[in-house]
Amino acid sequence: ALDVETESGDLELALPWYSSYLDVLAEKPPGELRIP
């Protein structure tokens, strides 16, 4: 399990996303978004 919380830190998460349940909540859309 992974529970991540940051105010303004950048995020780089490399996981096998096909085997993950994911929920990302961003109050402001990031300037750069790179996702599968």
PDB file of all heavy atoms in Angstrom:
ATOM      1  N   ALA A   1       0.867  -1.180   0.000  1.00  0.00           N
ATOM      2  CA  ALA A   1       0.000   0.000   0.000  1.00  0.00           C
ATOM      3  C   ALA A   1       0.899   1.224   0.000  1.00  0.00           C
ATOM      4  O   ALA A   1       2.021   1.186   0.490  1.00  0.00           O
ATOM      5  CB  ALA A   1      -0.912   0.014   1.220  1.00  0.00           C
ATOM      6  N   LEU A   2       0.376   2.305  -0.569  1.00  0.00           N
ATOM      7  CA  LEU A   2       1.133   3.547  -0.657  1.00  0.00           C
ATOM      8  C   LEU A   2       0.184   4.703  -0.412  1.00  0.00           C
ATOM      9  O   LEU A   2      -0.791   4.880  -1.140  1.00  0.00           O
ATOM     10  CB  LEU A   2       1.788   3.669  -2.041  1.00  0.00           C
ATOM     11  CG  LEU A   2       2.572   4.936  -2.347  1.00  0.00           C
ATOM     12  CD1 LEU A   2       3.727   5.118  -1.368  1.00  0.00           C
ATOM     13  CD2 LEU A   2       3.091   4.907  -3.781  1.00  0.00           C
ATOM     14  N   ASP A   3       0.461   5.466   0.636  1.00  0.00           N
ATOM     15  CA  ASP A   3      -0.327   6.651   0.976  1.00  0.00           C
ATOM     16  C   ASP A   3       0.632   7.834   0.937  1.00  0.00           C
ATOM     17  O   ASP A   3       1.555   7.913   1.753  1.00  0.00           O
ATOM     18  CB  ASP A   3      -0.942   6.482   2.365  1.00  0.00           C
ATOM     19  CG  ASP A   3      -1.925   7.581   2.707  1.00  0.00           C
ATOM     20  OD1 ASP A   3      -1.838   8.687   2.132  1.00  0.00           O
ATOM     21  OD2 ASP A   3      -2.790   7.354   3.568  1.00  0.00           O
ATOM     22  N   VAL A   4       0.452   8.735  -0.042  1.00  0.00           N
ATOM     23  CA  VAL A   4       1.358   9.855  -0.267  1.00  0.00           C
ATOM     24  C   VAL A   4       0.607  11.160  -0.062  1.00  0.00           C
ATOM     25  O   VAL A   4      -0.510  11.323  -0.573  1.00  0.00           O
ATOM     26  CB  VAL A   4       1.920   9.810  -1.712  1.00  0.00           C
ATOM     27  CG1 VAL A   4       2.708  11.070  -2.029  1.00  0.00           C
ATOM     28  CG2 VAL A   4       2.773   8.576  -1.913  1.00  0.00           C
ATOM     29  N   GLU A   5       1.233  12.073   0.678  1.00  0.00           N
ATOM     30  CA  GLU A   5       0.627  13.397   0.859  1.00  0.00           C
ATOM     31  C   GLU A   5       1.727  14.451   0.806  1.00  0.00           C
ATOM     32  O   GLU A   5       2.753  14.322   1.467  1.00  0.00           O
ATOM     33  CB  GLU A   5      -0.104  13.479   2.194  1.00  0.00           C
ATOM     34  CG  GLU A   5      -0.875  14.770   2.356  1.00  0.00           C
ATOM     35  CD  GLU A   5      -1.824  14.744   3.539  1.00  0.00           C
ATOM     36  OE1 GLU A   5      -1.885  13.741   4.251  1.00  0.00           O
ATOM     37  OE2 GLU A   5      -2.505  15.767   3.741  1.00  0.00           O
ATOM     38  N   THR A   6       1.498  15.495  -0.026  1.00  0.00           N
ATOM     39  CA  THR A   6       2.446  16.599  -0.118  1.00  0.00           C
ATOM     40  C   THR A   6       1.679  17.884  -0.387  1.00  0.00           C
ATOM     41  O   THR A   6       0.607  17.859  -0.984  1.00  0.00           O
ATOM     42  CB  THR A   6       3.504  16.357  -1.224  1.00  0.00           C
ATOM     43  OG1 THR A   6       4.453  17.431  -1.187  1.00  0.00           O
ATOM     44  CG2 THR A   6       2.879  16.275  -2.602  1.00  0.00           C
ATOM     45  N   GLU A   7       2.253  18.995   0.056  1.00  0.00           N
ATOM     46  CA  GLU A   7       1.653  20.287  -0.288  1.00  0.00           C
ATOM     47  C   GLU A   7       2.045  20.667  -1.706  1.00  0.00           C
ATOM     48  O   GLU A   7       1.194  20.879  -2.546  1.00  0.00           O
ATOM     49  CB  GLU A   7       2.085  21.359   0.713  1.00  0.00           C
ATOM     50  CG  GLU A   7       1.415  21.219   2.059  1.00  0.00           C
ATOM     51  CD  GLU A   7       1.830  22.299   3.035  1.00  0.00           C
ATOM     52  OE1 GLU A   7       2.308  23.373   2.602  1.00  0.00           O
ATOM     53  OE2 GLU A   7       1.669  22.063   4.245  1.00  0.00           O
ATOM     54  N   SER A   8       3.371  20.749  -1.965  1.00  0.00           N
ATOM     55  CA  SER A   8       3.800  21.199  -3.285  1.00  0.00           C
ATOM     56  C   SER A   8       4.977  20.401  -3.847  1.00  0.00           C
ATOM     57  O   SER A   8       5.557  20.794  -4.846  1.00  0.00           O
ATOM     58  CB  SER A   8       4.170  22.686  -3.230  1.00  0.00           C
ATOM     59  OG  SER A   8       5.230  22.892  -2.324  1.00  0.00           O
ATOM     60  N   GLY A   9       5.320  19.300  -3.218  1.00  0.00           N
ATOM     61  CA  GLY A   9       6.429  18.491  -3.705  1.00  0.00           C
ATOM     62  C   GLY A   9       6.083  17.779  -5.004  1.00  0.00           C
ATOM     63  O   GLY A   9       4.939  17.385  -5.226  1.00  0.00           O
ATOM     64  N   ASP A  10       7.074  17.626  -5.884  1.00  0.00           N
ATOM     65  CA  ASP A  10       6.873  16.870  -7.118  1.00  0.00           C
ATOM     66  C   ASP A  10       6.733  15.390  -6.777  1.00  0.00           C
ATOM     67  O   ASP A  10       7.235  14.925  -5.746  1.00  0.00           O
ATOM     68  CB  ASP A  10       8.049  17.072  -8.074  1.00  0.00           C
ATOM     69  CG  ASP A  10       8.099  18.480  -8.643  1.00  0.00           C
ATOM     70  OD1 ASP A  10       7.080  19.198  -8.557  1.00  0.00           O
ATOM     71  OD2 ASP A  10       9.157  18.868  -9.177  1.00  0.00           O
ATOM     72  N   LEU A  11       6.083  14.649  -7.666  1.00  0.00           N
ATOM     73  CA  LEU A  11       5.835  13.227  -7.446  1.00  0.00           C
ATOM     74  C   LEU A  11       6.341  12.427  -8.633  1.00  0.00           C
ATOM     75  O   LEU A  11       6.038  12.760  -9.781  1.00  0.00           O
ATOM     76  CB  LEU A  11       4.341  12.968  -7.269  1.00  0.00           C
ATOM     77  CG  LEU A  11       3.665  13.703  -6.116  1.00  0.00           C
ATOM     78  CD1 LEU A  11       2.159  13.576  -6.216  1.00  0.00           C
ATOM     79  CD2 LEU A  11       4.160  13.172  -4.786  1.00  0.00           C
ATOM     80  N   GLU A  12       7.099  11.376  -8.359  1.00  0.00           N
ATOM     81  CA  GLU A  12       7.542  10.444  -9.387  1.00  0.00           C
ATOM     82  C   GLU A  12       7.330   9.038  -8.830  1.00  0.00           C
ATOM     83  O   GLU A  12       8.069   8.587  -7.949  1.00  0.00           O
ATOM     84  CB  GLU A  12       9.018  10.661  -9.733  1.00  0.00           C
ATOM     85  CG  GLU A  12       9.501   9.742 -10.822  1.00  0.00           C
ATOM     86  CD  GLU A  12      10.973   9.929 -11.146  1.00  0.00           C
ATOM     87  OE1 GLU A  12      11.560  10.961 -10.746  1.00  0.00           O
ATOM     88  OE2 GLU A  12      11.531   9.040 -11.792  1.00  0.00           O
ATOM     89  N   LEU A  13       6.296   8.371  -9.316  1.00  0.00           N
ATOM     90  CA  LEU A  13       5.930   7.058  -8.809  1.00  0.00           C
ATOM     91  C   LEU A  13       6.026   6.047  -9.943  1.00  0.00           C
ATOM     92  O   LEU A  13       5.335   6.179 -10.953  1.00  0.00           O
ATOM     93  CB  LEU A  13       4.510   7.084  -8.240  1.00  0.00           C
ATOM     94  CG  LEU A  13       4.211   8.201  -7.220  1.00  0.00           C
ATOM     95  CD1 LEU A  13       2.756   8.148  -6.791  1.00  0.00           C
ATOM     96  CD2 LEU A  13       5.133   8.110  -6.025  1.00  0.00           C
ATOM     97  N   ALA A  14       6.884   5.046  -9.785  1.00  0.00           N
ATOM     98  CA  ALA A  14       7.072   4.005 -10.788  1.00  0.00           C
ATOM     99  C   ALA A  14       6.615   2.684 -10.174  1.00  0.00           C
ATOM    100  O   ALA A  14       7.316   2.104  -9.349  1.00  0.00           O
ATOM    101  CB  ALA A  14       8.529   3.933 -11.218  1.00  0.00           C
ATOM    102  N   LEU A  15       5.422   2.255 -10.561  1.00  0.00           N
ATOM    103  CA  LEU A  15       4.817   1.039 -10.034  1.00  0.00           C
ATOM    104  C   LEU A  15       4.242   0.226 -11.177  1.00  0.00           C
ATOM    105  O   LEU A  15       4.002   0.763 -12.257  1.00  0.00           O
ATOM    106  CB  LEU A  15       3.668   1.378  -9.067  1.00  0.00           C
ATOM    107  CG  LEU A  15       3.996   1.674  -7.608  1.00  0.00           C
ATOM    108  CD1 LEU A  15       4.591   3.046  -7.452  1.00  0.00           C
ATOM    109  CD2 LEU A  15       2.759   1.530  -6.754  1.00  0.00           C
ATOM    110  N   PRO A  16       3.957  -1.053 -10.940  1.00  0.00           N
ATOM    111  CA  PRO A  16       3.198  -1.816 -11.924  1.00  0.00           C
ATOM    112  C   PRO A  16       1.718  -1.435 -11.780  1.00  0.00           C
ATOM    113  O   PRO A  16       0.988  -2.043 -11.013  1.00  0.00           O
ATOM    114  CB  PRO A  16       3.469  -3.277 -11.549  1.00  0.00           C
ATOM    115  CG  PRO A  16       4.083  -3.270 -10.202  1.00  0.00           C
ATOM    116  CD  PRO A  16       4.454  -1.870  -9.855  1.00  0.00           C
ATOM    117  N   TRP A  17       1.311  -0.392 -12.483  1.00  0.00           N
ATOM    118  CA  TRP A  17      -0.024   0.178 -12.281  1.00  0.00           C
ATOM    119  C   TRP A  17      -1.145  -0.804 -12.621  1.00  0.00           C
ATOM    120  O   TRP A  17      -2.228  -0.730 -12.070  1.00  0.00           O
ATOM    121  CB  TRP A  17      -0.182   1.483 -13.075  1.00  0.00           C
ATOM    122  CG  TRP A  17       0.722   2.551 -12.557  1.00  0.00           C
ATOM    123  CD1 TRP A  17       1.803   3.082 -13.180  1.00  0.00           C
ATOM    124  CD2 TRP A  17       0.662   3.172 -11.273  1.00  0.00           C
ATOM    125  NE1 TRP A  17       2.421   4.000 -12.378  1.00  0.00           N
ATOM    126  CE2 TRP A  17       1.740   4.077 -11.186  1.00  0.00           C
ATOM    127  CE3 TRP A  17      -0.184   3.050 -10.175  1.00  0.00           C
ATOM    128  CZ2 TRP A  17       1.984   4.848 -10.066  1.00  0.00           C
ATOM    129  CZ3 TRP A  17       0.060   3.826  -9.058  1.00  0.00           C
ATOM    130  CH2 TRP A  17       1.132   4.716  -9.010  1.00  0.00           C
ATOM    131  N   TYR A  18      -0.880  -1.766 -13.512  1.00  0.00           N
ATOM    132  CA  TYR A  18      -1.914  -2.749 -13.827  1.00  0.00           C
ATOM    133  C   TYR A  18      -2.254  -3.616 -12.625  1.00  0.00           C
ATOM    134  O   TYR A  18      -3.296  -4.246 -12.589  1.00  0.00           O
ATOM    135  CB  TYR A  18      -1.485  -3.632 -15.009  1.00  0.00           C
ATOM    136  CG  TYR A  18      -1.778  -3.009 -16.343  1.00  0.00           C
ATOM    137  CD1 TYR A  18      -0.767  -2.490 -17.119  1.00  0.00           C
ATOM    138  CD2 TYR A  18      -3.087  -2.937 -16.822  1.00  0.00           C
ATOM    139  CE1 TYR A  18      -1.034  -1.911 -18.348  1.00  0.00           C
ATOM    140  CE2 TYR A  18      -3.366  -2.351 -18.046  1.00  0.00           C
ATOM    141  CZ  TYR A  18      -2.332  -1.845 -18.807  1.00  0.00           C
ATOM    142  OH  TYR A  18      -2.605  -1.271 -20.014  1.00  0.00           O
ATOM    143  N   SER A  19      -1.371  -3.669 -11.642  1.00  0.00           N
ATOM    144  CA  SER A  19      -1.648  -4.457 -10.445  1.00  0.00           C
ATOM    145  C   SER A  19      -1.974  -3.559  -9.253  1.00  0.00           C
ATOM    146  O   SER A  19      -1.861  -3.979  -8.113  1.00  0.00           O
ATOM    147  CB  SER A  19      -0.449  -5.354 -10.113  1.00  0.00           C
ATOM    148  OG  SER A  19       0.652  -4.564  -9.734  1.00  0.00           O
ATOM    149  N   SER A  20      -2.373  -2.319  -9.521  1.00  0.00           N
ATOM    150  CA  SER A  20      -2.597  -1.351  -8.452  1.00  0.00           C
ATOM    151  C   SER A  20      -3.989  -0.731  -8.538  1.00  0.00           C
ATOM    152  O   SER A  20      -4.512  -0.499  -9.617  1.00  0.00           O
ATOM    153  CB  SER A  20      -1.564  -0.218  -8.542  1.00  0.00           C
ATOM    154  OG  SER A  20      -0.264  -0.710  -8.518  1.00  0.00           O
ATOM    155  N   TYR A  21      -4.551  -0.464  -7.384  1.00  0.00           N
ATOM    156  CA  TYR A  21      -5.745   0.365  -7.291  1.00  0.00           C
ATOM    157  C   TYR A  21      -5.241   1.770  -6.996  1.00  0.00           C
ATOM    158  O   TYR A  21      -4.509   1.977  -6.043  1.00  0.00           O
ATOM    159  CB  TYR A  21      -6.666  -0.113  -6.173  1.00  0.00           C
ATOM    160  CG  TYR A  21      -7.197  -1.502  -6.398  1.00  0.00           C
ATOM    161  CD1 TYR A  21      -6.747  -2.560  -5.638  1.00  0.00           C
ATOM    162  CD2 TYR A  21      -8.139  -1.745  -7.390  1.00  0.00           C
ATOM    163  CE1 TYR A  21      -7.226  -3.840  -5.848  1.00  0.00           C
ATOM    164  CE2 TYR A  21      -8.628  -3.021  -7.610  1.00  0.00           C
ATOM    165  CZ  TYR A  21      -8.169  -4.063  -6.834  1.00  0.00           C
ATOM    166  OH  TYR A  21      -8.638  -5.329  -7.049  1.00  0.00           O
ATOM    167  N   LEU A  22      -5.618   2.736  -7.812  1.00  0.00           N
ATOM    168  CA  LEU A  22      -5.032   4.065  -7.728  1.00  0.00           C
ATOM    169  C   LEU A  22      -6.089   5.139  -7.572  1.00  0.00           C
ATOM    170  O   LEU A  22      -7.115   5.125  -8.254  1.00  0.00           O
ATOM    171  CB  LEU A  22      -4.231   4.354  -9.016  1.00  0.00           C
ATOM    172  CG  LEU A  22      -3.736   5.784  -9.206  1.00  0.00           C
ATOM    173  CD1 LEU A  22      -2.647   6.121  -8.192  1.00  0.00           C
ATOM    174  CD2 LEU A  22      -3.221   5.995 -10.614  1.00  0.00           C
ATOM    175  N   ASP A  23      -5.815   6.094  -6.699  1.00  0.00           N
ATOM    176  CA  ASP A  23      -6.642   7.276  -6.558  1.00  0.00           C
ATOM    177  C   ASP A  23      -5.710   8.453  -6.277  1.00  0.00           C
ATOM    178  O   ASP A  23      -5.031   8.479  -5.255  1.00  0.00           O
ATOM    179  CB  ASP A  23      -7.638   7.098  -5.413  1.00  0.00           C
ATOM    180  CG  ASP A  23      -8.811   8.051  -5.487  1.00  0.00           C
ATOM    181  OD1 ASP A  23      -8.869   8.862  -6.441  1.00  0.00           O
ATOM    182  OD2 ASP A  23      -9.676   7.997  -4.603  1.00  0.00           O
ATOM    183  N   VAL A  24      -5.614   9.400  -7.218  1.00  0.00           N
ATOM    184  CA  VAL A  24      -4.796  10.599  -7.064  1.00  0.00           C
ATOM    185  C   VAL A  24      -5.731  11.796  -7.005  1.00  0.00           C
ATOM    186  O   VAL A  24      -6.560  11.979  -7.896  1.00  0.00           O
ATOM    187  CB  VAL A  24      -3.806  10.792  -8.248  1.00  0.00           C
ATOM    188  CG1 VAL A  24      -3.043  12.105  -8.111  1.00  0.00           C
ATOM    189  CG2 VAL A  24      -2.839   9.624  -8.332  1.00  0.00           C
ATOM    190  N   LEU A  25      -5.590  12.600  -5.985  1.00  0.00           N
ATOM    191  CA  LEU A  25      -6.404  13.802  -5.824  1.00  0.00           C
ATOM    192  C   LEU A  25      -5.480  15.011  -5.770  1.00  0.00           C
ATOM    193  O   LEU A  25      -4.650  15.120  -4.870  1.00  0.00           O
ATOM    194  CB  LEU A  25      -7.228  13.725  -4.539  1.00  0.00           C
ATOM    195  CG  LEU A  25      -8.101  12.481  -4.386  1.00  0.00           C
ATOM    196  CD1 LEU A  25      -8.622  12.365  -2.967  1.00  0.00           C
ATOM    197  CD2 LEU A  25      -9.242  12.522  -5.376  1.00  0.00           C
ATOM    198  N   ALA A  26      -5.597  15.898  -6.749  1.00  0.00           N
ATOM    199  CA  ALA A  26      -4.774  17.111  -6.802  1.00  0.00           C
ATOM    200  C   ALA A  26      -5.697  18.323  -6.705  1.00  0.00           C
ATOM    201  O   ALA A  26      -6.591  18.479  -7.528  1.00  0.00           O
ATOM    202  CB  ALA A  26      -3.983  17.156  -8.104  1.00  0.00           C
ATOM    203  N   GLU A  27      -5.484  19.163  -5.688  1.00  0.00           N
ATOM    204  CA  GLU A  27      -6.316  20.359  -5.532  1.00  0.00           C
ATOM    205  C   GLU A  27      -6.130  21.314  -6.701  1.00  0.00           C
ATOM    206  O   GLU A  27      -7.079  21.958  -7.129  1.00  0.00           O
ATOM    207  CB  GLU A  27      -6.011  21.058  -4.209  1.00  0.00           C
ATOM    208  CG  GLU A  27      -6.563  20.308  -3.019  1.00  0.00           C
ATOM    209  CD  GLU A  27      -6.400  21.085  -1.728  1.00  0.00           C
ATOM    210  OE1 GLU A  27      -6.378  22.335  -1.749  1.00  0.00           O
ATOM    211  OE2 GLU A  27      -6.315  20.427  -0.679  1.00  0.00           O
ATOM    212  N   LYS A  28      -4.893  21.429  -7.199  1.00  0.00           N
ATOM    213  CA  LYS A  28      -4.615  22.213  -8.407  1.00  0.00           C
ATOM    214  C   LYS A  28      -3.982  21.275  -9.416  1.00  0.00           C
ATOM    215  O   LYS A  28      -3.084  20.512  -9.053  1.00  0.00           O
ATOM    216  CB  LYS A  28      -3.643  23.358  -8.097  1.00  0.00           C
ATOM    217  CG  LYS A  28      -4.262  24.500  -7.334  1.00  0.00           C
ATOM    218  CD  LYS A  28      -3.257  25.566  -6.967  1.00  0.00           C
ATOM    219  CE  LYS A  28      -2.491  26.057  -8.183  1.00  0.00           C
ATOM    220  NZ  LYS A  28      -1.494  27.093  -7.842  1.00  0.00           N
ATOM    221  N   PRO A  29      -4.413  21.304 -10.683  1.00  0.00           N
ATOM    222  CA  PRO A  29      -3.774  20.442 -11.682  1.00  0.00           C
ATOM    223  C   PRO A  29      -2.281  20.749 -11.769  1.00  0.00           C
ATOM    224  O   PRO A  29      -1.883  21.911 -11.735  1.00  0.00           O
ATOM    225  CB  PRO A  29      -4.480  20.810 -12.991  1.00  0.00           C
ATOM    226  CG  PRO A  29      -5.774  21.413 -12.576  1.00  0.00           C
ATOM    227  CD  PRO A  29      -5.503  22.093 -11.256  1.00  0.00           C
ATOM    228  N   PRO A  30      -1.440  19.712 -11.854  1.00  0.00           N
ATOM    229  CA  PRO A  30      -0.001  19.963 -11.948  1.00  0.00           C
ATOM    230  C   PRO A  30       0.355  20.611 -13.277  1.00  0.00           C
ATOM    231  O   PRO A  30      -0.340  20.431 -14.274  1.00  0.00           O
ATOM    232  CB  PRO A  30       0.611  18.556 -11.833  1.00  0.00           C
ATOM    233  CG  PRO A  30      -0.490  17.635 -12.206  1.00  0.00           C
ATOM    234  CD  PRO A  30      -1.771  18.303 -11.853  1.00  0.00           C
ATOM    235  N   GLY A  31       1.467  21.362 -13.288  1.00  0.00           N
ATOM    236  CA  GLY A  31       1.945  21.976 -14.518  1.00  0.00           C
ATOM    237  C   GLY A  31       2.334  20.929 -15.539  1.00  0.00           C
ATOM    238  O   GLY A  31       2.114  21.094 -16.734  1.00  0.00           O
ATOM    239  N   GLU A  32       2.940  19.824 -15.068  1.00  0.00           N
ATOM    240  CA  GLU A  32       3.345  18.717 -15.936  1.00  0.00           C
ATOM    241  C   GLU A  32       2.733  17.443 -15.389  1.00  0.00           C
ATOM    242  O   GLU A  32       2.928  17.105 -14.227  1.00  0.00           O
ATOM    243  CB  GLU A  32       4.868  18.563 -15.912  1.00  0.00           C
ATOM    244  CG  GLU A  32       5.587  19.066 -17.117  1.00  0.00           C
ATOM    245  CD  GLU A  32       7.063  18.759 -17.006  1.00  0.00           C
ATOM    246  OE1 GLU A  32       7.473  17.633 -17.324  1.00  0.00           O
ATOM    247  OE2 GLU A  32       7.792  19.682 -16.592  1.00  0.00           O
ATOM    248  N   LEU A  33       2.009  16.730 -16.256  1.00  0.00           N
ATOM    249  CA  LEU A  33       1.391  15.463 -15.869  1.00  0.00           C
ATOM    250  C   LEU A  33       1.792  14.409 -16.882  1.00  0.00           C
ATOM    251  O   LEU A  33       1.478  14.528 -18.069  1.00  0.00           O
ATOM    252  CB  LEU A  33      -0.135  15.614 -15.830  1.00  0.00           C
ATOM    253  CG  LEU A  33      -0.937  14.358 -15.514  1.00  0.00           C
ATOM    254  CD1 LEU A  33      -0.657  13.884 -14.083  1.00  0.00           C
ATOM    255  CD2 LEU A  33      -2.424  14.627 -15.700  1.00  0.00           C
ATOM    256  N   ARG A  34       2.526  13.393 -16.418  1.00  0.00           N
ATOM    257  CA  ARG A  34       2.946  12.291 -17.292  1.00  0.00           C
ATOM    258  C   ARG A  34       2.425  11.002 -16.676  1.00  0.00           C
ATOM    259  O   ARG A  34       2.871  10.593 -15.601  1.00  0.00           O
ATOM    260  CB  ARG A  34       4.468  12.264 -17.425  1.00  0.00           C
ATOM    261  CG  ARG A  34       5.027  13.518 -18.084  1.00  0.00           C
ATOM    262  CD  ARG A  34       6.525  13.435 -18.318  1.00  0.00           C
ATOM    263  NE  ARG A  34       7.314  13.417 -17.105  1.00  0.00           N
ATOM    264  CZ  ARG A  34       7.900  14.484 -16.566  1.00  0.00           C
ATOM    265  NH1 ARG A  34       7.774  15.668 -17.125  1.00  0.00           N
ATOM    266  NH2 ARG A  34       8.624  14.369 -15.474  1.00  0.00           N
ATOM    267  N   ILE A  35       1.470  10.354 -17.380  1.00  0.00           N
ATOM    268  CA  ILE A  35       0.860   9.132 -16.851  1.00  0.00           C
ATOM    269  C   ILE A  35       0.634   8.133 -17.984  1.00  0.00           C
ATOM    270  O   ILE A  35       0.517   8.525 -19.145  1.00  0.00           O
ATOM    271  CB  ILE A  35      -0.483   9.425 -16.141  1.00  0.00           C
ATOM    272  CG1 ILE A  35      -1.515   9.992 -17.111  1.00  0.00           C
ATOM    273  CG2 ILE A  35      -0.284  10.350 -14.955  1.00  0.00           C
ATOM    274  CD1 ILE A  35      -2.912  10.115 -16.540  1.00  0.00           C
ATOM    275  N   PRO A  36       0.546   6.837 -17.651  1.00  0.00           N
ATOM    276  CA  PRO A  36       0.207   5.844 -18.669  1.00  0.00           C
ATOM    277  C   PRO A  36      -1.201   6.084 -19.218  1.00  0.00           C
ATOM    278  O   PRO A  36      -2.073   6.613 -18.523  1.00  0.00           O
ATOM    279  CB  PRO A  36       0.272   4.519 -17.912  1.00  0.00           C
ATOM    280  CG  PRO A  36       1.098   4.791 -16.697  1.00  0.00           C
ATOM    281  CD  PRO A  36       0.862   6.231 -16.370  1.00  0.00           C
TER     282      PRO A  36
END
